[in-house]
């Protein structure tokens, strides 16, 4: 389901992209899920990902930076973000270009959501919100 949502959002972004945007270099973008350990620990985080594309359309280099007060919790999110990026595809014609993406992982305590469900939102040109319900454990 996440790849389909990301494809629709990406199509909208490409139609809005300006001349200086590298969003058009993305063919298919997988969006990471909320890491279960991070959700259980009650940790939210914003992570910036900068990708440099290789000549074959793969990722040549990735730089992940945690932003905000929980930056020491970066290790809880790195695997999910890296896996999603590695499953994404990019245009070969964009070799050497960089793409910046922002992932905002947040927990929601809204009682109307009874199940642990993730929601994904997108804001042009490059920001994704991955929101999940905070797990509640009963003794």
N, C-alpha and C. Protein backbone atom coordinates (compact mmCIF):
# COMPACT_ATOMS: atom_id res chain seq x y z
N UNK A 1 0.82 -1.19 0.00
CA UNK A 1 0.00 0.00 0.00
C UNK A 1 0.87 1.26 0.00
N UNK A 2 1.97 1.26 0.80
CA UNK A 2 2.82 2.44 0.87
C UNK A 2 3.41 2.81 -0.48
N UNK A 3 3.90 1.83 -1.31
CA UNK A 3 4.45 2.23 -2.60
C UNK A 3 3.40 2.88 -3.50
N UNK A 4 2.14 2.43 -3.42
CA UNK A 4 1.09 3.01 -4.25
C UNK A 4 0.83 4.45 -3.82
N UNK A 5 0.73 4.68 -2.51
CA UNK A 5 0.53 6.03 -2.00
C UNK A 5 1.69 6.92 -2.42
N UNK A 6 2.90 6.42 -2.28
CA UNK A 6 4.07 7.21 -2.64
C UNK A 6 4.08 7.53 -4.13
N UNK A 7 3.65 6.60 -4.98
CA UNK A 7 3.61 6.85 -6.42
C UNK A 7 2.61 7.95 -6.77
N UNK A 8 1.45 7.93 -6.14
CA UNK A 8 0.44 8.96 -6.39
C UNK A 8 0.97 10.31 -5.93
N UNK A 9 1.54 10.35 -4.73
CA UNK A 9 2.08 11.60 -4.21
C UNK A 9 3.23 12.09 -5.07
N UNK A 10 4.05 11.18 -5.54
CA UNK A 10 5.18 11.54 -6.38
C UNK A 10 4.71 12.11 -7.72
N UNK A 11 3.65 11.56 -8.28
CA UNK A 11 3.10 12.07 -9.54
C UNK A 11 2.63 13.51 -9.38
N UNK A 12 2.00 13.80 -8.25
CA UNK A 12 1.58 15.17 -7.98
C UNK A 12 2.79 16.08 -7.85
N UNK A 13 3.80 15.63 -7.13
CA UNK A 13 5.01 16.44 -6.93
C UNK A 13 5.70 16.70 -8.26
N UNK A 14 5.77 15.71 -9.12
CA UNK A 14 6.45 15.89 -10.42
C UNK A 14 5.72 16.93 -11.26
N UNK A 15 4.39 16.95 -11.17
CA UNK A 15 3.64 17.91 -11.97
C UNK A 15 3.85 19.34 -11.46
N UNK A 16 4.23 19.49 -10.18
CA UNK A 16 4.47 20.79 -9.58
C UNK A 16 5.94 21.19 -9.58
N UNK A 17 6.82 20.27 -9.93
CA UNK A 17 8.27 20.49 -9.79
C UNK A 17 8.75 21.63 -10.66
N UNK A 18 9.63 22.43 -10.08
CA UNK A 18 10.24 23.54 -10.81
C UNK A 18 11.50 23.09 -11.51
N UNK A 19 12.16 24.02 -12.19
CA UNK A 19 13.36 23.71 -12.95
C UNK A 19 14.51 23.26 -12.05
N UNK A 20 14.57 23.75 -10.82
CA UNK A 20 15.68 23.42 -9.93
C UNK A 20 15.42 22.19 -9.07
N UNK A 21 14.28 21.57 -9.21
CA UNK A 21 13.93 20.43 -8.37
C UNK A 21 14.42 19.13 -8.99
N UNK A 22 14.90 18.22 -8.13
CA UNK A 22 15.31 16.91 -8.61
C UNK A 22 14.28 15.84 -8.29
N UNK A 23 13.07 16.26 -7.91
CA UNK A 23 11.99 15.31 -7.64
C UNK A 23 11.70 14.49 -8.89
N UNK A 24 11.89 15.07 -10.04
CA UNK A 24 11.66 14.36 -11.30
C UNK A 24 12.63 13.20 -11.53
N UNK A 25 13.68 13.13 -10.74
CA UNK A 25 14.64 12.02 -10.85
C UNK A 25 14.13 10.74 -10.21
N UNK A 26 13.08 10.85 -9.42
CA UNK A 26 12.54 9.68 -8.72
C UNK A 26 11.54 8.96 -9.62
N UNK A 27 11.78 7.68 -9.84
CA UNK A 27 10.81 6.86 -10.58
C UNK A 27 9.79 6.25 -9.63
N UNK A 28 10.27 5.67 -8.54
CA UNK A 28 9.39 5.05 -7.54
C UNK A 28 10.05 5.24 -6.18
N UNK A 29 9.29 5.78 -5.24
CA UNK A 29 9.84 6.04 -3.91
C UNK A 29 9.08 5.23 -2.88
N UNK A 30 9.78 4.34 -2.20
CA UNK A 30 9.19 3.63 -1.07
C UNK A 30 9.28 4.54 0.15
N UNK A 31 8.23 4.55 0.94
CA UNK A 31 8.20 5.35 2.16
C UNK A 31 8.38 4.40 3.34
N UNK A 32 9.27 4.73 4.27
CA UNK A 32 9.50 3.81 5.40
C UNK A 32 8.30 3.75 6.33
N UNK A 33 8.12 2.61 6.95
CA UNK A 33 7.12 2.48 8.00
C UNK A 33 7.71 2.97 9.31
N UNK A 34 6.85 3.17 10.29
CA UNK A 34 7.32 3.59 11.61
C UNK A 34 7.99 2.40 12.27
N UNK A 35 9.24 2.49 12.66
CA UNK A 35 9.91 1.35 13.29
C UNK A 35 9.20 0.94 14.58
N UNK A 36 8.83 -0.34 14.71
CA UNK A 36 8.09 -0.79 15.90
C UNK A 36 8.81 -0.51 17.22
N UNK A 37 10.13 -0.67 17.24
CA UNK A 37 10.87 -0.42 18.47
C UNK A 37 10.79 1.06 18.86
N UNK A 38 10.87 1.95 17.89
CA UNK A 38 10.77 3.39 18.16
C UNK A 38 9.37 3.74 18.67
N UNK A 39 8.34 3.13 18.08
CA UNK A 39 6.97 3.39 18.53
C UNK A 39 6.79 2.89 19.96
N UNK A 40 7.30 1.70 20.25
CA UNK A 40 7.19 1.13 21.60
C UNK A 40 7.92 1.98 22.62
N UNK A 41 9.03 2.58 22.20
CA UNK A 41 9.81 3.42 23.11
C UNK A 41 9.24 4.84 23.20
N UNK A 42 8.24 5.13 22.37
CA UNK A 42 7.62 6.46 22.40
C UNK A 42 8.49 7.55 21.81
N UNK A 43 9.31 7.19 20.81
CA UNK A 43 10.26 8.13 20.22
C UNK A 43 9.75 8.65 18.88
N UNK A 44 9.76 9.97 18.74
CA UNK A 44 9.47 10.64 17.48
C UNK A 44 10.77 11.25 16.96
N UNK A 45 10.86 11.45 15.64
CA UNK A 45 12.10 11.99 15.09
C UNK A 45 11.85 12.54 13.70
N UNK A 46 12.56 13.59 13.35
CA UNK A 46 12.59 14.09 11.98
C UNK A 46 13.95 13.74 11.42
N UNK A 47 13.96 13.14 10.23
CA UNK A 47 15.21 12.73 9.61
C UNK A 47 15.30 13.29 8.19
N UNK A 48 16.45 13.87 7.90
CA UNK A 48 16.74 14.38 6.57
C UNK A 48 17.61 13.35 5.85
N UNK A 49 17.25 13.05 4.60
CA UNK A 49 18.03 12.12 3.78
C UNK A 49 18.48 12.86 2.52
N UNK A 50 19.78 12.86 2.29
CA UNK A 50 20.33 13.42 1.06
C UNK A 50 20.94 12.27 0.27
N UNK A 51 20.48 12.11 -0.96
CA UNK A 51 20.94 11.01 -1.82
C UNK A 51 21.73 11.58 -2.98
N UNK A 52 22.83 10.93 -3.31
CA UNK A 52 23.58 11.23 -4.54
C UNK A 52 23.38 10.03 -5.44
N UNK A 53 22.93 10.28 -6.67
CA UNK A 53 22.60 9.19 -7.59
C UNK A 53 23.80 8.75 -8.42
N UNK A 54 23.92 7.44 -8.60
CA UNK A 54 24.99 6.84 -9.40
C UNK A 54 24.56 6.79 -10.87
N UNK A 55 25.50 6.55 -11.78
CA UNK A 55 25.18 6.49 -13.21
C UNK A 55 24.14 5.42 -13.59
N UNK A 56 24.04 4.36 -12.79
CA UNK A 56 23.09 3.30 -13.12
C UNK A 56 21.71 3.53 -12.49
N UNK A 57 21.49 4.69 -11.88
CA UNK A 57 20.19 5.01 -11.29
C UNK A 57 20.01 4.51 -9.86
N UNK A 58 21.07 3.97 -9.29
CA UNK A 58 21.00 3.54 -7.89
C UNK A 58 21.54 4.68 -7.01
N UNK A 59 21.50 4.44 -5.73
CA UNK A 59 22.02 5.45 -4.79
C UNK A 59 23.51 5.22 -4.60
N UNK A 60 24.30 6.22 -4.91
CA UNK A 60 25.75 6.15 -4.75
C UNK A 60 26.14 6.47 -3.32
N UNK A 61 25.45 7.44 -2.73
CA UNK A 61 25.78 7.88 -1.38
C UNK A 61 24.52 8.36 -0.68
N UNK A 62 24.41 8.05 0.60
CA UNK A 62 23.28 8.50 1.41
C UNK A 62 23.80 9.16 2.67
N UNK A 63 23.24 10.32 2.97
CA UNK A 63 23.58 11.00 4.21
C UNK A 63 22.28 11.19 5.00
N UNK A 64 22.22 10.60 6.18
CA UNK A 64 21.03 10.69 7.03
C UNK A 64 21.37 11.56 8.24
N UNK A 65 20.55 12.57 8.48
CA UNK A 65 20.76 13.47 9.61
C UNK A 65 19.48 13.52 10.44
N UNK A 66 19.62 13.27 11.73
CA UNK A 66 18.49 13.39 12.65
C UNK A 66 18.37 14.85 13.07
N UNK A 67 17.14 15.33 13.09
CA UNK A 67 16.88 16.73 13.41
C UNK A 67 15.99 16.79 14.65
N UNK A 68 16.35 17.63 15.58
CA UNK A 68 15.48 17.85 16.73
C UNK A 68 15.99 17.26 18.02
N UNK A 69 15.14 17.29 19.05
CA UNK A 69 15.58 16.91 20.39
C UNK A 69 15.87 15.42 20.56
N UNK A 70 15.37 14.58 19.70
CA UNK A 70 15.58 13.14 19.83
C UNK A 70 16.65 12.60 18.89
N UNK A 71 17.59 13.46 18.47
CA UNK A 71 18.57 13.04 17.47
C UNK A 71 19.44 11.87 17.94
N UNK A 72 19.55 11.65 19.25
CA UNK A 72 20.32 10.51 19.75
C UNK A 72 19.59 9.19 19.48
N UNK A 73 18.32 9.26 19.12
CA UNK A 73 17.53 8.06 18.82
C UNK A 73 17.57 7.70 17.34
N UNK A 74 18.44 8.35 16.59
CA UNK A 74 18.54 8.15 15.14
C UNK A 74 18.66 6.68 14.76
N UNK A 75 19.42 5.91 15.55
CA UNK A 75 19.67 4.51 15.21
C UNK A 75 18.38 3.69 15.14
N UNK A 76 17.33 4.12 15.83
CA UNK A 76 16.06 3.39 15.78
C UNK A 76 15.38 3.53 14.42
N UNK A 77 15.72 4.57 13.66
CA UNK A 77 15.04 4.88 12.41
C UNK A 77 15.88 4.61 11.16
N UNK A 78 17.19 4.53 11.30
CA UNK A 78 18.09 4.42 10.15
C UNK A 78 17.76 3.22 9.26
N UNK A 79 17.56 2.07 9.84
CA UNK A 79 17.31 0.86 9.06
C UNK A 79 16.04 0.98 8.21
N UNK A 80 14.97 1.51 8.79
CA UNK A 80 13.71 1.66 8.05
C UNK A 80 13.86 2.62 6.88
N UNK A 81 14.54 3.75 7.12
CA UNK A 81 14.73 4.74 6.07
C UNK A 81 15.66 4.19 4.98
N UNK A 82 16.77 3.59 5.38
CA UNK A 82 17.73 3.05 4.41
C UNK A 82 17.10 1.94 3.55
N UNK A 83 16.34 1.06 4.17
CA UNK A 83 15.68 -0.02 3.43
C UNK A 83 14.71 0.55 2.40
N UNK A 84 13.90 1.52 2.80
CA UNK A 84 12.94 2.13 1.87
C UNK A 84 13.66 2.82 0.71
N UNK A 85 14.73 3.54 1.01
CA UNK A 85 15.47 4.22 -0.05
C UNK A 85 16.11 3.22 -1.01
N UNK A 86 16.65 2.14 -0.47
CA UNK A 86 17.28 1.12 -1.33
C UNK A 86 16.28 0.40 -2.21
N UNK A 87 15.02 0.37 -1.84
CA UNK A 87 13.98 -0.26 -2.65
C UNK A 87 13.37 0.71 -3.66
N UNK A 88 13.76 1.97 -3.58
CA UNK A 88 13.26 2.99 -4.50
C UNK A 88 14.06 2.94 -5.80
N UNK A 89 13.49 3.52 -6.86
CA UNK A 89 14.20 3.55 -8.14
C UNK A 89 14.29 4.99 -8.66
N UNK A 90 15.38 5.27 -9.39
CA UNK A 90 15.66 6.61 -9.85
C UNK A 90 16.06 6.57 -11.32
N UNK A 91 15.92 7.70 -12.01
CA UNK A 91 16.26 7.76 -13.42
C UNK A 91 17.78 7.79 -13.61
N UNK A 92 18.24 7.01 -14.57
CA UNK A 92 19.67 6.95 -14.86
C UNK A 92 20.20 8.28 -15.37
N UNK A 93 19.35 9.06 -16.02
CA UNK A 93 19.77 10.36 -16.56
C UNK A 93 20.12 11.37 -15.47
N UNK A 94 19.82 11.04 -14.24
CA UNK A 94 20.07 11.96 -13.12
C UNK A 94 21.37 11.66 -12.38
N UNK A 95 22.27 10.93 -13.00
CA UNK A 95 23.54 10.57 -12.36
C UNK A 95 24.25 11.81 -11.82
N UNK A 96 24.72 11.70 -10.58
CA UNK A 96 25.45 12.79 -9.95
C UNK A 96 24.58 13.83 -9.26
N UNK A 97 23.30 13.80 -9.51
CA UNK A 97 22.40 14.77 -8.87
C UNK A 97 22.06 14.32 -7.46
N UNK A 98 21.69 15.29 -6.63
CA UNK A 98 21.29 14.96 -5.26
C UNK A 98 19.79 15.19 -5.10
N UNK A 99 19.22 14.40 -4.24
CA UNK A 99 17.80 14.50 -3.89
C UNK A 99 17.72 14.60 -2.38
N UNK A 100 16.99 15.59 -1.90
CA UNK A 100 16.80 15.76 -0.46
C UNK A 100 15.37 15.38 -0.10
N UNK A 101 15.24 14.54 0.93
CA UNK A 101 13.94 14.11 1.42
C UNK A 101 13.91 14.32 2.93
N UNK A 102 12.73 14.62 3.45
CA UNK A 102 12.56 14.79 4.90
C UNK A 102 11.46 13.84 5.35
N UNK A 103 11.78 13.04 6.36
CA UNK A 103 10.83 12.11 6.96
C UNK A 103 10.56 12.57 8.39
N UNK A 104 9.30 12.84 8.67
CA UNK A 104 8.90 13.27 10.01
C UNK A 104 8.11 12.13 10.65
N UNK A 105 8.74 11.43 11.57
CA UNK A 105 8.10 10.31 12.27
C UNK A 105 7.45 10.86 13.54
N UNK A 106 6.13 10.68 13.67
CA UNK A 106 5.42 11.22 14.84
C UNK A 106 4.46 10.18 15.40
N UNK A 107 4.23 10.29 16.70
CA UNK A 107 3.28 9.40 17.39
C UNK A 107 1.99 10.16 17.63
N UNK A 108 0.87 9.45 17.50
CA UNK A 108 -0.45 10.06 17.67
C UNK A 108 -1.16 9.37 18.83
N UNK A 109 -1.66 10.14 19.75
CA UNK A 109 -2.39 9.60 20.89
C UNK A 109 -3.90 9.75 20.73
N UNK A 110 -4.35 10.02 19.52
CA UNK A 110 -5.78 10.23 19.29
C UNK A 110 -6.55 8.95 19.60
N UNK A 111 -7.51 8.99 20.51
CA UNK A 111 -8.24 7.78 20.91
C UNK A 111 -9.17 7.23 19.83
N UNK A 112 -9.44 7.99 18.76
CA UNK A 112 -10.32 7.46 17.73
C UNK A 112 -9.66 6.35 16.91
N UNK A 113 -8.33 6.26 16.99
CA UNK A 113 -7.63 5.17 16.31
C UNK A 113 -7.41 4.05 17.31
N UNK A 114 -8.15 2.98 17.16
CA UNK A 114 -8.09 1.89 18.13
C UNK A 114 -6.98 0.90 17.82
N UNK A 115 -6.53 0.86 16.58
CA UNK A 115 -5.48 -0.08 16.20
C UNK A 115 -4.18 0.69 15.96
N UNK A 116 -3.10 -0.04 16.01
CA UNK A 116 -1.79 0.54 15.71
C UNK A 116 -1.65 0.62 14.20
N UNK A 117 -2.06 1.75 13.65
CA UNK A 117 -2.09 1.94 12.20
C UNK A 117 -1.20 3.14 11.85
N UNK A 118 -0.45 3.00 10.79
CA UNK A 118 0.37 4.12 10.33
C UNK A 118 -0.36 4.88 9.24
N UNK A 119 -0.15 6.19 9.24
CA UNK A 119 -0.69 7.05 8.20
C UNK A 119 0.48 7.79 7.57
N UNK A 120 0.41 8.01 6.28
CA UNK A 120 1.47 8.71 5.57
C UNK A 120 0.88 9.92 4.87
N UNK A 121 1.53 11.07 5.05
CA UNK A 121 1.14 12.29 4.37
C UNK A 121 2.35 12.85 3.64
N UNK A 122 2.08 13.70 2.66
CA UNK A 122 3.15 14.27 1.85
C UNK A 122 2.91 15.75 1.65
N UNK A 123 3.98 16.53 1.72
CA UNK A 123 3.92 17.95 1.40
C UNK A 123 4.99 18.25 0.37
N UNK A 124 4.62 18.92 -0.68
CA UNK A 124 5.54 19.30 -1.74
C UNK A 124 6.62 20.20 -1.16
N UNK A 125 7.86 20.09 -1.53
CA UNK A 125 8.33 19.20 -2.58
C UNK A 125 8.90 17.88 -2.07
N UNK A 126 9.18 17.76 -0.75
CA UNK A 126 9.96 16.58 -0.36
C UNK A 126 9.74 16.10 1.07
N UNK A 127 8.63 16.44 1.70
CA UNK A 127 8.45 16.08 3.10
C UNK A 127 7.35 15.04 3.27
N UNK A 128 7.69 14.00 4.05
CA UNK A 128 6.75 12.92 4.34
C UNK A 128 6.52 12.85 5.84
N UNK A 129 5.27 12.72 6.25
CA UNK A 129 4.94 12.47 7.64
C UNK A 129 4.53 11.02 7.77
N UNK A 130 5.17 10.32 8.66
CA UNK A 130 4.83 8.93 8.96
C UNK A 130 4.32 8.96 10.41
N UNK A 131 3.03 8.77 10.58
CA UNK A 131 2.41 8.90 11.89
C UNK A 131 1.81 7.56 12.28
N UNK A 132 2.06 7.15 13.50
CA UNK A 132 1.48 5.91 14.00
C UNK A 132 0.91 6.16 15.39
N UNK A 133 0.03 5.31 15.79
CA UNK A 133 -0.57 5.44 17.12
C UNK A 133 0.43 4.93 18.14
N UNK A 134 0.52 5.65 19.23
CA UNK A 134 1.42 5.23 20.31
C UNK A 134 0.86 3.96 20.92
N UNK A 135 1.67 2.90 21.04
CA UNK A 135 1.17 1.67 21.64
C UNK A 135 0.89 1.86 23.13
N UNK A 136 -0.23 1.30 23.56
CA UNK A 136 -0.59 1.35 24.99
C UNK A 136 -0.62 -0.08 25.50
N UNK A 137 0.13 -0.29 26.53
CA UNK A 137 0.21 -1.63 27.11
C UNK A 137 -0.54 -1.64 28.42
N UNK A 138 -1.34 -2.68 28.59
CA UNK A 138 -2.10 -2.83 29.83
C UNK A 138 -1.40 -3.84 30.72
N UNK A 139 -1.26 -3.51 32.00
CA UNK A 139 -0.58 -4.44 32.92
C UNK A 139 -1.40 -5.69 33.17
